PDB file of N, CA and C in Angstrom:
ATOM      1  N   MET A   1      99.106  77.461 157.602  1.00  0.00           N
ATOM      2  CA  MET A   1      99.430  77.984 156.375  1.00  0.00           C
ATOM      3  C   MET A   1     100.741  77.056 156.063  1.00  0.00           C
ATOM      4  N   ASN A   2     101.569  76.709 156.842  1.00  0.00           N
ATOM      5  CA  ASN A   2     102.639  75.831 156.565  1.00  0.00           C
ATOM      6  C   ASN A   2     102.065  74.391 156.315  1.00  0.00           C
ATOM      7  N   PHE A   3     101.034  73.945 156.908  1.00  0.00           N
ATOM      8  CA  PHE A   3     100.449  72.712 156.725  1.00  0.00           C
ATOM      9  C   PHE A   3      99.880  72.511 155.407  1.00  0.00           C
ATOM     10  N   ILE A   4      99.241  73.613 154.742  1.00  0.00           N
ATOM     11  CA  ILE A   4      98.658  73.521 153.347  1.00  0.00           C
ATOM     12  C   ILE A   4      99.888  73.572 152.440  1.00  0.00           C
ATOM     13  N   ILE A   5     100.732  74.047 152.598  1.00  0.00           N
ATOM     14  CA  ILE A   5     101.909  74.164 151.579  1.00  0.00           C
ATOM     15  C   ILE A   5     102.735  72.745 151.797  1.00  0.00           C
ATOM     16  N   ASN A   6     102.704  72.318 152.653  1.00  0.00           N
ATOM     17  CA  ASN A   6     103.249  70.816 152.696  1.00  0.00           C
ATOM     18  C   ASN A   6     102.409  69.793 152.088  1.00  0.00           C
ATOM     19  N   GLU A   7     101.062  69.827 152.176  1.00  0.00           N
ATOM     20  CA  GLU A   7     100.148  69.168 151.561  1.00  0.00           C
ATOM     21  C   GLU A   7     100.239  69.327 149.932  1.00  0.00           C
ATOM     22  N   ILE A   8     100.194  70.690 149.497  1.00  0.00           N
ATOM     23  CA  ILE A   8     100.391  70.850 148.122  1.00  0.00           C
ATOM     24  C   ILE A   8     101.626  70.498 147.541  1.00  0.00           C
ATOM     25  N   LEU A   9     102.687  70.467 148.154  1.00  0.00           N
ATOM     26  CA  LEU A   9     104.191  69.895 147.790  1.00  0.00           C
ATOM     27  C   LEU A   9     104.054  68.267 147.581  1.00  0.00           C
ATOM     28  N   LEU A  10     103.269  67.817 148.743  1.00  0.00           N
ATOM     29  CA  LEU A  10     103.322  66.478 148.594  1.00  0.00           C
ATOM     30  C   LEU A  10     102.358  65.748 147.685  1.00  0.00           C
ATOM     31  N   GLY A  11     101.166  66.525 147.252  1.00  0.00           N
ATOM     32  CA  GLY A  11     100.424  66.271 146.079  1.00  0.00           C
ATOM     33  C   GLY A  11     101.231  66.350 144.841  1.00  0.00           C
ATOM     34  N   ILE A  12     101.989  67.374 144.606  1.00  0.00           N
ATOM     35  CA  ILE A  12     102.680  67.380 143.385  1.00  0.00           C
ATOM     36  C   ILE A  12     103.700  66.511 143.245  1.00  0.00           C
ATOM     37  N   ILE A  13     104.375  66.138 144.251  1.00  0.00           N
ATOM     38  CA  ILE A  13     105.317  64.970 144.195  1.00  0.00           C
ATOM     39  C   ILE A  13     104.629  63.715 143.760  1.00  0.00           C
ATOM     40  N   ALA A  14     103.480  63.245 144.416  1.00  0.00           N
ATOM     41  CA  ALA A  14     102.695  62.126 144.261  1.00  0.00           C
ATOM     42  C   ALA A  14     102.398  62.052 142.780  1.00  0.00           C
ATOM     43  N   VAL A  15     101.889  63.377 142.078  1.00  0.00           N
ATOM     44  CA  VAL A  15     101.422  63.194 140.788  1.00  0.00           C
ATOM     45  C   VAL A  15     102.580  63.012 139.830  1.00  0.00           C
ATOM     46  N   ALA A  16     103.650  63.702 140.230  1.00  0.00           N
ATOM     47  CA  ALA A  16     104.952  63.401 139.298  1.00  0.00           C
ATOM     48  C   ALA A  16     105.397  62.155 139.279  1.00  0.00           C
ATOM     49  N   MET A  17     105.297  61.245 140.496  1.00  0.00           N
ATOM     50  CA  MET A  17     105.967  60.123 140.764  1.00  0.00           C
ATOM     51  C   MET A  17     104.705  59.067 139.837  1.00  0.00           C
ATOM     52  N   THR A  18     103.585  59.310 140.029  1.00  0.00           N
ATOM     53  CA  THR A  18     102.501  58.529 139.278  1.00  0.00           C
ATOM     54  C   THR A  18     102.640  58.712 137.713  1.00  0.00           C
ATOM     55  N   ILE A  19     103.087  59.953 137.112  1.00  0.00           N
ATOM     56  CA  ILE A  19     103.349  60.101 135.785  1.00  0.00           C
ATOM     57  C   ILE A  19     104.453  59.289 135.352  1.00  0.00           C
ATOM     58  N   ILE A  20     105.649  59.321 136.170  1.00  0.00           N
ATOM     59  CA  ILE A  20     106.722  58.540 135.955  1.00  0.00           C
ATOM     60  C   ILE A  20     106.446  57.252 135.825  1.00  0.00           C
ATOM     61  N   ALA A  21     105.634  56.537 136.838  1.00  0.00           N
ATOM     62  CA  ALA A  21     105.541  55.231 136.850  1.00  0.00           C
ATOM     63  C   ALA A  21     104.628  54.903 135.505  1.00  0.00           C
ATOM     64  N   ILE A  22     103.613  55.559 135.194  1.00  0.00           N
ATOM     65  CA  ILE A  22     102.803  55.333 134.040  1.00  0.00           C
ATOM     66  C   ILE A  22     103.592  55.292 132.798  1.00  0.00           C
ATOM     67  N   LYS A  23     104.670  56.369 132.759  1.00  0.00           N
ATOM     68  CA  LYS A  23     105.357  56.441 131.506  1.00  0.00           C
ATOM     69  C   LYS A  23     106.477  55.134 131.448  1.00  0.00           C
ATOM     70  N   ILE A  24     106.921  54.747 132.365  1.00  0.00           N
ATOM     71  CA  ILE A  24     107.813  53.558 132.523  1.00  0.00           C
ATOM     72  C   ILE A  24     106.833  52.247 132.084  1.00  0.00           C
ATOM     73  N   THR A  25     105.794  52.111 132.701  1.00  0.00           N
ATOM     74  CA  THR A  25     104.841  50.772 132.494  1.00  0.00           C
ATOM     75  C   THR A  25     104.431  50.912 130.981  1.00  0.00           C
ATOM     76  N   PHE A  26     103.922  51.907 130.533  1.00  0.00           N
ATOM     77  CA  PHE A  26     103.206  52.118 129.172  1.00  0.00           C
ATOM     78  C   PHE A  26     104.273  52.512 128.159  1.00  0.00           C
ATOM     79  N   SER A  27     105.480  52.211 128.017  1.00  0.00           N
ATOM     80  CA  SER A  27     106.395  52.917 127.081  1.00  0.00           C
ATOM     81  C   SER A  27     106.006  52.241 125.862  1.00  0.00           C
ATOM     82  N   PHE A  28     106.159  53.155 124.726  1.00  0.00           N
ATOM     83  CA  PHE A  28     105.745  52.598 123.338  1.00  0.00           C
ATOM     84  C   PHE A  28     106.869  52.883 122.591  1.00  0.00           C
ATOM     85  N   ASN A  29     107.132  51.491 122.141  1.00  0.00           N
ATOM     86  CA  ASN A  29     108.430  51.460 121.152  1.00  0.00           C
ATOM     87  C   ASN A  29     107.691  51.496 119.774  1.00  0.00           C
ATOM     88  N   ILE A  30     108.185  52.726 119.059  1.00  0.00           N
ATOM     89  CA  ILE A  30     107.735  52.946 117.585  1.00  0.00           C
ATOM     90  C   ILE A  30     108.336  51.966 116.797  1.00  0.00           C
ATOM     91  N   ASN A  31     109.588  51.618 116.928  1.00  0.00           N
ATOM     92  CA  ASN A  31     110.297  50.722 116.109  1.00  0.00           C
ATOM     93  C   ASN A  31     109.661  49.279 116.082  1.00  0.00           C
ATOM     94  N   GLU A  32     109.187  48.831 117.284  1.00  0.00           N
ATOM     95  CA  GLU A  32     108.610  47.563 117.275  1.00  0.00           C
ATOM     96  C   GLU A  32     107.245  47.600 116.715  1.00  0.00           C
ATOM     97  N   TYR A  33     106.453  48.687 116.802  1.00  0.00           N
ATOM     98  CA  TYR A  33     105.188  48.857 116.212  1.00  0.00           C
ATOM     99  C   TYR A  33     105.388  48.969 114.736  1.00  0.00           C
ATOM    100  N   LEU A  34     106.210  49.517 114.025  1.00  0.00           N
ATOM    101  CA  LEU A  34     106.554  49.645 112.703  1.00  0.00           C
ATOM    102  C   LEU A  34     106.880  48.350 112.102  1.00  0.00           C
ATOM    103  N   LYS A  35     107.705  47.522 112.781  1.00  0.00           N
ATOM    104  CA  LYS A  35     108.187  46.150 112.461  1.00  0.00           C
ATOM    105  C   LYS A  35     106.834  45.225 112.311  1.00  0.00           C
ATOM    106  N   ARG A  36     106.031  45.371 113.397  1.00  0.00           N
ATOM    107  CA  ARG A  36     105.039  44.429 113.402  1.00  0.00           C
ATOM    108  C   ARG A  36     104.092  44.914 112.326  1.00  0.00           C
ATOM    109  N   LYS A  37     103.847  46.172 111.887  1.00  0.00           N
ATOM    110  CA  LYS A  37     103.101  46.658 110.975  1.00  0.00           C
ATOM    111  C   LYS A  37     103.357  46.110 109.719  1.00  0.00           C
ATOM    112  N   ASP A  38     104.943  46.143 109.325  1.00  0.00           N
ATOM    113  CA  ASP A  38     105.422  45.678 108.068  1.00  0.00           C
ATOM    114  C   ASP A  38     105.175  44.216 108.107  1.00  0.00           C
ATOM    115  N   GLU A  39     105.410  43.425 109.118  1.00  0.00           N
ATOM    116  CA  GLU A  39     105.187  41.868 108.834  1.00  0.00           C
ATOM    117  C   GLU A  39     103.756  41.636 108.616  1.00  0.00           C
ATOM    118  N   ARG A  40     102.765  42.340 109.249  1.00  0.00           N
ATOM    119  CA  ARG A  40     101.221  42.119 108.947  1.00  0.00           C
ATOM    120  C   ARG A  40     101.011  42.429 107.364  1.00  0.00           C
ATOM    121  N   LEU A  41     101.618  43.532 107.042  1.00  0.00           N
ATOM    122  CA  LEU A  41     101.353  43.934 105.580  1.00  0.00           C
ATOM    123  C   LEU A  41     101.890  42.802 104.542  1.00  0.00           C
ATOM    124  N   HIS A  42     103.188  42.381 104.946  1.00  0.00           N
ATOM    125  CA  HIS A  42     103.928  41.432 103.992  1.00  0.00           C
ATOM    126  C   HIS A  42     102.916  40.121 103.991  1.00  0.00           C
ATOM    127  N   LEU A  43     102.474  39.804 105.231  1.00  0.00           N
ATOM    128  CA  LEU A  43     101.587  38.689 105.333  1.00  0.00           C
ATOM    129  C   LEU A  43     100.274  38.827 104.534  1.00  0.00           C
ATOM    130  N   LYS A  44      99.648  40.226 104.488  1.00  0.00           N
ATOM    131  CA  LYS A  44      98.486  40.372 103.610  1.00  0.00           C
ATOM    132  C   LYS A  44      98.882  40.225 102.303  1.00  0.00           C
ATOM    133  N   ILE A  45     100.032  40.557 101.827  1.00  0.00           N
ATOM    134  CA  ILE A  45     100.514  40.449 100.378  1.00  0.00           C
ATOM    135  C   ILE A  45     100.556  39.210  99.995  1.00  0.00           C
ATOM    136  N   LYS A  46     101.069  38.457 100.653  1.00  0.00           N
ATOM    137  CA  LYS A  46     101.314  36.907 100.406  1.00  0.00           C
ATOM    138  C   LYS A  46      99.995  36.232 100.431  1.00  0.00           C
ATOM    139  N   ASN A  47      99.080  36.711 101.295  1.00  0.00           N
ATOM    140  CA  ASN A  47      97.680  36.125 101.270  1.00  0.00           C
ATOM    141  C   ASN A  47      96.849  36.463  99.901  1.00  0.00           C
ATOM    142  N   ASN A  48      96.914  37.815  99.506  1.00  0.00           N
ATOM    143  CA  ASN A  48      96.340  38.137  98.584  1.00  0.00           C
ATOM    144  C   ASN A  48      96.958  37.993  97.114  1.00  0.00           C
ATOM    145  N   CYS A  49      98.296  37.415  97.055  1.00  0.00           N
ATOM    146  CA  CYS A  49      98.765  37.230  95.816  1.00  0.00           C
ATOM    147  C   CYS A  49      98.087  35.847  95.218  1.00  0.00           C
ATOM    148  N   THR A  50      97.927  36.042  93.800  1.00  0.00           N
ATOM    149  CA  THR A  50      97.262  35.087  92.928  1.00  0.00           C
ATOM    150  C   THR A  50      98.307  34.093  92.579  1.00  0.00           C
ATOM    151  N   HIS A  51      99.524  34.223  92.695  1.00  0.00           N
ATOM    152  CA  HIS A  51     100.542  33.409  92.307  1.00  0.00           C
ATOM    153  C   HIS A  51     100.394  32.778  90.808  1.00  0.00           C
ATOM    154  N   VAL A  52     100.060  33.682  90.013  1.00  0.00           N
ATOM    155  CA  VAL A  52      99.705  33.400  88.657  1.00  0.00           C
ATOM    156  C   VAL A  52     100.334  34.805  87.860  1.00  0.00           C
ATOM    157  N   ASN A  53     100.907  34.432  86.709  1.00  0.00           N
ATOM    158  CA  ASN A  53     101.393  35.634  85.900  1.00  0.00           C
ATOM    159  C   ASN A  53     100.067  35.726  84.695  1.00  0.00           C
ATOM    160  N   ILE A  54      99.667  36.913  84.408  1.00  0.00           N
ATOM    161  CA  ILE A  54      98.627  37.084  83.516  1.00  0.00           C
ATOM    162  C   ILE A  54      99.150  37.661  81.983  1.00  0.00           C
ATOM    163  N   GLY A  55      98.943  37.256  81.021  1.00  0.00           N
ATOM    164  CA  GLY A  55      99.394  37.473  79.712  1.00  0.00           C
ATOM    165  C   GLY A  55      98.324  37.482  78.748  1.00  0.00           C
ATOM    166  N   TRP A  56      98.462  38.085  77.542  1.00  0.00           N
ATOM    167  CA  TRP A  56      97.462  38.198  76.476  1.00  0.00           C
ATOM    168  C   TRP A  56      98.004  37.492  75.360  1.00  0.00           C
ATOM    169  N   LEU A  57      97.235  36.482  74.749  1.00  0.00           N
ATOM    170  CA  LEU A  57      97.601  35.891  73.430  1.00  0.00           C
ATOM    171  C   LEU A  57      97.332  36.961  72.265  1.00  0.00           C
ATOM    172  N   GLU A  58      97.816  36.476  71.210  1.00  0.00           N
ATOM    173  CA  GLU A  58      97.685  37.365  70.081  1.00  0.00           C
ATOM    174  C   GLU A  58      96.145  37.363  69.530  1.00  0.00           C
ATOM    175  N   ASN A  59      95.414  36.305  69.924  1.00  0.00           N
ATOM    176  CA  ASN A  59      94.003  36.539  69.289  1.00  0.00           C
ATOM    177  C   ASN A  59      93.102  37.172  70.343  1.00  0.00           C
ATOM    178  N   GLY A  60      93.851  37.736  71.539  1.00  0.00           N
ATOM    179  CA  GLY A  60      93.105  38.433  72.503  1.00  0.00           C
ATOM    180  C   GLY A  60      92.809  37.521  73.757  1.00  0.00           C
ATOM    181  N   ASP A  61      92.943  36.385  73.808  1.00  0.00           N
ATOM    182  CA  ASP A  61      92.657  35.441  75.063  1.00  0.00           C
ATOM    183  C   ASP A  61      93.608  35.749  75.968  1.00  0.00           C
ATOM    184  N   ILE A  62      93.154  35.291  77.355  1.00  0.00           N
ATOM    185  CA  ILE A  62      93.988  35.590  78.530  1.00  0.00           C
ATOM    186  C   ILE A  62      94.908  34.210  78.686  1.00  0.00           C
ATOM    187  N   ALA A  63      96.202  34.413  78.954  1.00  0.00           N
ATOM    188  CA  ALA A  63      97.123  33.480  79.282  1.00  0.00           C
ATOM    189  C   ALA A  63      97.348  33.457  80.692  1.00  0.00           C
ATOM    190  N   VAL A  64      97.298  32.452  81.388  1.00  0.00           N
ATOM    191  CA  VAL A  64      97.576  32.542  82.804  1.00  0.00           C
ATOM    192  C   VAL A  64      98.670  31.363  83.146  1.00  0.00           C
ATOM    193  N   GLN A  65      99.670  31.678  83.800  1.00  0.00           N
ATOM    194  CA  GLN A  65     100.871  30.884  84.201  1.00  0.00           C
ATOM    195  C   GLN A  65     101.248  30.965  85.515  1.00  0.00           C
ATOM    196  N   SER A  66     101.623  29.735  86.219  1.00  0.00           N
ATOM    197  CA  SER A  66     101.952  29.753  87.645  1.00  0.00           C
ATOM    198  C   SER A  66     103.334  30.307  87.750  1.00  0.00           C
ATOM    199  N   CYS A  67     103.444  31.101  88.965  1.00  0.00           N
ATOM    200  CA  CYS A  67     104.458  32.020  89.221  1.00  0.00           C
ATOM    201  C   CYS A  67     105.582  31.104  90.266  1.00  0.00           C
ATOM    202  N   PHE A  68     105.267  30.017  90.681  1.00  0.00           N
ATOM    203  CA  PHE A  68     106.111  29.226  91.407  1.00  0.00           C
ATOM    204  C   PHE A  68     107.175  28.791  90.616  1.00  0.00           C
ATOM    205  N   TYR A  69     108.502  28.896  91.138  1.00  0.00           N
ATOM    206  CA  TYR A  69     109.632  28.244  90.526  1.00  0.00           C
ATOM    207  C   TYR A  69     110.538  27.586  91.591  1.00  0.00           C
ATOM    208  N   SER A  70     111.187  26.657  91.219  1.00  0.00           N
ATOM    209  CA  SER A  70     112.349  26.091  92.121  1.00  0.00           C
ATOM    210  C   SER A  70     113.822  26.380  91.697  1.00  0.00           C
ATOM    211  N   PRO A  71     114.411  27.224  92.448  1.00  0.00           N
ATOM    212  CA  PRO A  71     115.707  27.510  92.210  1.00  0.00           C
ATOM    213  C   PRO A  71     116.638  26.312  92.220  1.00  0.00           C
ATOM    214  N   SER A  72     117.628  26.106  91.510  1.00  0.00           N
ATOM    215  CA  SER A  72     118.622  24.941  91.383  1.00  0.00           C
ATOM    216  C   SER A  72     119.140  24.780  92.755  1.00  0.00           C
ATOM    217  N   GLY A  73     119.053  23.478  93.262  1.00  0.00           N
ATOM    218  CA  GLY A  73     119.875  23.299  94.494  1.00  0.00           C
ATOM    219  C   GLY A  73     118.783  23.281  95.572  1.00  0.00           C
ATOM    220  N   ILE A  74     117.645  23.907  95.470  1.00  0.00           N
ATOM    221  CA  ILE A  74     116.722  24.192  96.657  1.00  0.00           C
ATOM    222  C   ILE A  74     115.449  23.198  96.234  1.00  0.00           C
ATOM    223  N   SER A  75     114.909  22.372  97.284  1.00  0.00           N
ATOM    224  CA  SER A  75     113.702  21.603  96.926  1.00  0.00           C
ATOM    225  C   SER A  75     112.478  22.363  97.157  1.00  0.00           C
ATOM    226  N   SER A  76     112.483  23.474  97.756  1.00  0.00           N
ATOM    227  CA  SER A  76     111.233  24.406  97.922  1.00  0.00           C
ATOM    228  C   SER A  76     110.860  25.285  96.740  1.00  0.00           C
ATOM    229  N   TYR A  77     109.762  25.666  96.565  1.00  0.00           N
ATOM    230  CA  TYR A  77     109.282  26.519  95.545  1.00  0.00           C
ATOM    231  C   TYR A  77     109.026  27.954  96.093  1.00  0.00           C
ATOM    232  N   THR A  78     109.338  29.023  95.121  1.00  0.00           N
ATOM    233  CA  THR A  78     109.133  30.326  95.509  1.00  0.00           C
ATOM    234  C   THR A  78     108.295  31.039  94.500  1.00  0.00           C
ATOM    235  N   CYS A  79     107.518  31.842  94.978  1.00  0.00           N
ATOM    236  CA  CYS A  79     106.539  32.723  94.015  1.00  0.00           C
ATOM    237  C   CYS A  79     107.438  33.985  93.504  1.00  0.00           C
ATOM    238  N   GLN A  80     107.459  34.214  92.272  1.00  0.00           N
ATOM    239  CA  GLN A  80     108.028  35.129  91.587  1.00  0.00           C
ATOM    240  C   GLN A  80     107.600  36.586  92.074  1.00  0.00           C
ATOM    241  N   LYS A  81     106.238  36.556  92.379  1.00  0.00           N
ATOM    242  CA  LYS A  81     105.657  38.064  92.469  1.00  0.00           C
ATOM    243  C   LYS A  81     105.674  38.370  94.184  1.00  0.00           C
ATOM    244  N   CYS A  82     105.474  37.395  95.038  1.00  0.00           N
ATOM    245  CA  CYS A  82     105.268  37.819  96.362  1.00  0.00           C
ATOM    246  C   CYS A  82     106.371  37.476  97.260  1.00  0.00           C
ATOM    247  N   GLY A  83     107.251  36.220  96.856  1.00  0.00           N
ATOM    248  CA  GLY A  83     108.302  35.622  97.674  1.00  0.00           C
ATOM    249  C   GLY A  83     107.959  34.476  98.627  1.00  0.00           C
ATOM    250  N   MET A  84     106.646  34.260  98.439  1.00  0.00           N
ATOM    251  CA  MET A  84     106.193  33.118  99.327  1.00  0.00           C
ATOM    252  C   MET A  84     106.798  31.788  99.098  1.00  0.00           C
ATOM    253  N   GLN A  85     107.357  31.096 100.025  1.00  0.00           N
ATOM    254  CA  GLN A  85     107.887  29.676  99.940  1.00  0.00           C
ATOM    255  C   GLN A  85     107.023  28.480 100.287  1.00  0.00           C
ATOM    256  N   VAL A  86     106.937  27.720  99.438  1.00  0.00           N
ATOM    257  CA  VAL A  86     106.153  26.455  99.997  1.00  0.00           C
ATOM    258  C   VAL A  86     107.214  25.093  99.678  1.00  0.00           C
ATOM    259  N   ASP A  87     107.268  24.253 100.699  1.00  0.00           N
ATOM    260  CA  ASP A  87     108.111  23.165 100.635  1.00  0.00           C
ATOM    261  C   ASP A  87     107.572  22.092  99.375  1.00  0.00           C
ATOM    262  N   TYR A  88     106.371  22.020  99.337  1.00  0.00           N
ATOM    263  CA  TYR A  88     105.708  20.945  98.510  1.00  0.00           C
ATOM    264  C   TYR A  88     104.709  21.734  97.572  1.00  0.00           C
ATOM    265  N   LEU A  89     104.619  21.496  96.441  1.00  0.00           N
ATOM    266  CA  LEU A  89     103.860  22.065  95.150  1.00  0.00           C
ATOM    267  C   LEU A  89     103.121  20.834  94.429  1.00  0.00           C
ATOM    268  N   ASN A  90     101.909  20.637  94.836  1.00  0.00           N
ATOM    269  CA  ASN A  90     101.103  19.539  94.175  1.00  0.00           C
ATOM    270  C   ASN A  90     100.656  20.116  92.704  1.00  0.00           C
ATOM    271  N   GLU A  91     101.107  19.461  91.671  1.00  0.00           N
ATOM    272  CA  GLU A  91     101.013  20.129  90.408  1.00  0.00           C
ATOM    273  C   GLU A  91      99.537  20.049  89.954  1.00  0.00           C
ATOM    274  N   ASP A  92      98.637  18.863  90.506  1.00  0.00           N
ATOM    275  CA  ASP A  92      97.416  18.950  90.244  1.00  0.00           C
ATOM    276  C   ASP A  92      96.597  20.013  90.772  1.00  0.00           C
ATOM    277  N   ASP A  93      96.831  20.304  91.972  1.00  0.00           N
ATOM    278  CA  ASP A  93      96.463  21.536  92.717  1.00  0.00           C
ATOM    279  C   ASP A  93      96.745  22.901  91.962  1.00  0.00           C
ATOM    280  N   GLU A  94      97.956  22.991  91.361  1.00  0.00           N
ATOM    281  CA  GLU A  94      98.365  24.257  90.795  1.00  0.00           C
ATOM    282  C   GLU A  94      97.641  24.224  89.425  1.00  0.00           C
ATOM    283  N   LYS A  95      97.396  23.217  88.905  1.00  0.00           N
ATOM    284  CA  LYS A  95      96.581  23.222  87.460  1.00  0.00           C
ATOM    285  C   LYS A  95      95.393  23.558  87.824  1.00  0.00           C
ATOM    286  N   ARG A  96      94.721  22.972  88.819  1.00  0.00           N
ATOM    287  CA  ARG A  96      93.426  23.459  88.998  1.00  0.00           C
ATOM    288  C   ARG A  96      93.075  24.937  89.371  1.00  0.00           C
ATOM    289  N   ARG A  97      94.048  25.320  90.254  1.00  0.00           N
ATOM    290  CA  ARG A  97      94.241  26.819  90.564  1.00  0.00           C
ATOM    291  C   ARG A  97      94.247  27.645  89.374  1.00  0.00           C
ATOM    292  N   VAL A  98      95.249  27.385  88.308  1.00  0.00           N
ATOM    293  CA  VAL A  98      95.326  28.176  87.269  1.00  0.00           C
ATOM    294  C   VAL A  98      94.015  27.942  86.391  1.00  0.00           C
ATOM    295  N   LYS A  99      93.635  26.839  86.082  1.00  0.00           N
ATOM    296  CA  LYS A  99      92.243  26.756  85.375  1.00  0.00           C
ATOM    297  C   LYS A  99      91.116  27.587  86.018  1.00  0.00           C
ATOM    298  N   TYR A 100      91.019  27.599  87.514  1.00  0.00           N
ATOM    299  CA  TYR A 100      90.090  28.223  88.109  1.00  0.00           C
ATOM    300  C   TYR A 100      90.177  29.787  87.612  1.00  0.00           C
ATOM    301  N   PHE A 101      91.284  30.308  87.693  1.00  0.00           N
ATOM    302  CA  PHE A 101      91.586  31.735  87.224  1.00  0.00           C
ATOM    303  C   PHE A 101      91.310  31.883  85.845  1.00  0.00           C
ATOM    304  N   LEU A 102      91.488  30.908  85.152  1.00  0.00           N
ATOM    305  CA  LEU A 102      91.150  31.120  83.586  1.00  0.00           C
ATOM    306  C   LEU A 102      89.873  31.309  83.239  1.00  0.00           C
ATOM    307  N   ASN A 103      88.931  30.279  83.914  1.00  0.00           N
ATOM    308  CA  ASN A 103      87.511  30.224  83.830  1.00  0.00           C
ATOM    309  C   ASN A 103      86.874  31.489  84.617  1.00  0.00           C
ATOM    310  N   ASN A 104      87.640  32.221  85.614  1.00  0.00           N
ATOM    311  CA  ASN A 104      86.942  33.216  86.364  1.00  0.00           C
ATOM    312  C   ASN A 104      87.826  34.548  86.164  1.00  0.00           C
ATOM    313  N   PRO A 105      87.932  35.051  85.074  1.00  0.00           N
ATOM    314  CA  PRO A 105      88.950  36.334  85.055  1.00  0.00           C
ATOM    315  C   PRO A 105      88.498  37.547  85.925  1.00  0.00           C
ATOM    316  N   LYS A 106      87.051  37.658  86.079  1.00  0.00           N
ATOM    317  CA  LYS A 106      86.797  38.842  87.013  1.00  0.00           C
ATOM    318  C   LYS A 106      87.455  38.707  88.383  1.00  0.00           C
ATOM    319  N   ILE A 107      87.308  37.345  88.985  1.00  0.00           N
ATOM    320  CA  ILE A 107      88.086  37.323  90.123  1.00  0.00           C
ATOM    321  C   ILE A 107      89.457  37.426  90.249  1.00  0.00           C
ATOM    322  N   LEU A 108      90.088  36.978  89.167  1.00  0.00           N
ATOM    323  CA  LEU A 108      91.593  37.165  89.019  1.00  0.00           C
ATOM    324  C   LEU A 108      91.930  38.784  89.058  1.00  0.00           C
ATOM    325  N   PHE A 109      91.315  39.297  88.163  1.00  0.00           N
ATOM    326  CA  PHE A 109      91.455  40.736  88.053  1.00  0.00           C
ATOM    327  C   PHE A 109      91.224  41.509  89.488  1.00  0.00           C
ATOM    328  N   LYS A 110      90.050  41.116  90.096  1.00  0.00           N
ATOM    329  CA  LYS A 110      89.983  41.677  91.330  1.00  0.00           C
ATOM    330  C   LYS A 110      91.010  41.483  92.348  1.00  0.00           C
ATOM    331  N   LYS A 111      91.557  40.054  92.396  1.00  0.00           N
ATOM    332  CA  LYS A 111      92.643  39.903  93.225  1.00  0.00           C
ATOM    333  C   LYS A 111      93.831  40.516  92.884  1.00  0.00           C
ATOM    334  N   GLU A 112      94.065  40.659  91.665  1.00  0.00           N
ATOM    335  CA  GLU A 112      95.330  41.327  91.048  1.00  0.00           C
ATOM    336  C   GLU A 112      95.407  42.959  91.524  1.00  0.00           C
ATOM    337  N   LYS A 113      94.091  43.464  91.505  1.00  0.00           N
ATOM    338  CA  LYS A 113      94.017  45.009  91.735  1.00  0.00           C
ATOM    339  C   LYS A 113      94.227  45.087  93.381  1.00  0.00           C
ATOM    340  N   LYS A 114      93.800  44.234  94.135  1.00  0.00           N
ATOM    341  CA  LYS A 114      94.060  44.211  95.706  1.00  0.00           C
ATOM    342  C   LYS A 114      95.421  44.066  95.981  1.00  0.00           C
ATOM    343  N   PHE A 115      95.851  43.116  95.240  1.00  0.00           N
ATOM    344  CA  PHE A 115      97.466  42.689  95.364  1.00  0.00           C
ATOM    345  C   PHE A 115      98.356  43.903  95.283  1.00  0.00           C
ATOM    346  N   LYS A 116      98.084  44.561  93.952  1.00  0.00           N
ATOM    347  CA  LYS A 116      98.861  45.852  93.480  1.00  0.00           C
ATOM    348  C   LYS A 116      98.767  46.982  94.388  1.00  0.00           C
ATOM    349  N   LYS A 117      97.462  46.972  95.120  1.00  0.00           N
ATOM    350  CA  LYS A 117      97.302  48.069  96.105  1.00  0.00           C
ATOM    351  C   LYS A 117      98.185  47.772  97.258  1.00  0.00           C
ATOM    352  N   LEU A 118      98.249  46.620  97.815  1.00  0.00           N
ATOM    353  CA  LEU A 118      98.824  46.285  98.808  1.00  0.00           C
ATOM    354  C   LEU A 118     100.388  46.397  98.592  1.00  0.00           C
ATOM    355  N   ILE A 119     100.885  45.998  97.534  1.00  0.00           N
ATOM    356  CA  ILE A 119     102.244  46.400  97.099  1.00  0.00           C
ATOM    357  C   ILE A 119     102.606  47.668  96.974  1.00  0.00           C
ATOM    358  N   LYS A 120     101.741  48.595  96.563  1.00  0.00           N
ATOM    359  CA  LYS A 120     102.119  50.124  96.630  1.00  0.00           C
ATOM    360  C   LYS A 120     102.163  50.643  98.077  1.00  0.00           C
ATOM    361  N   LYS A 121     101.226  49.994  98.959  1.00  0.00           N
ATOM    362  CA  LYS A 121     101.179  50.466 100.410  1.00  0.00           C
ATOM    363  C   LYS A 121     102.431  50.224 101.054  1.00  0.00           C
ATOM    364  N   ALA A 122     102.941  48.986 100.838  1.00  0.00           N
ATOM    365  CA  ALA A 122     104.330  48.514 101.198  1.00  0.00           C
ATOM    366  C   ALA A 122     105.526  49.300 100.732  1.00  0.00           C
ATOM    367  N   GLY A 123     105.230  49.933  99.404  1.00  0.00           N
ATOM    368  CA  GLY A 123     106.461  50.629  98.991  1.00  0.00           C
ATOM    369  C   GLY A 123     107.460  49.835  98.164  1.00  0.00           C
ATOM    370  N   ILE A 124     106.758  48.668  97.766  1.00  0.00           N
ATOM    371  CA  ILE A 124     107.523  47.623  97.042  1.00  0.00           C
ATOM    372  C   ILE A 124     107.742  47.950  95.573  1.00  0.00           C
ATOM    373  N   VAL A 125     106.650  48.712  94.975  1.00  0.00           N
ATOM    374  CA  VAL A 125     106.525  49.005  93.794  1.00  0.00           C
ATOM    375  C   VAL A 125     106.765  50.699  93.603  1.00  0.00           C
TER     376      VAL A 125
END
């Protein structure tokens, strides 16, 4: 009888020590998880940003303008919509991208819709 009680106590202690070891080994830091999640979301926002402003002209046509600007005293360019910074902005590529969106407004509106959805998800808007 005494032998069975000792085995049961030893088993309970072994299970408790195993649980403690697993808890220490696989500790989950919720703050680090949320930080990584926010970083991934902001990266998705920057990747889905069109970097162009959309406007309507008086005759009903679509006007598209680049969002990149260079603050005074800084050599890099920053997007007004998503905050992405680039060191060098090739104006020919920028004109080509704006012209692409002018010629393909469906793609532009689709990307803008996805961008606005991600902005809402991030809580920026």
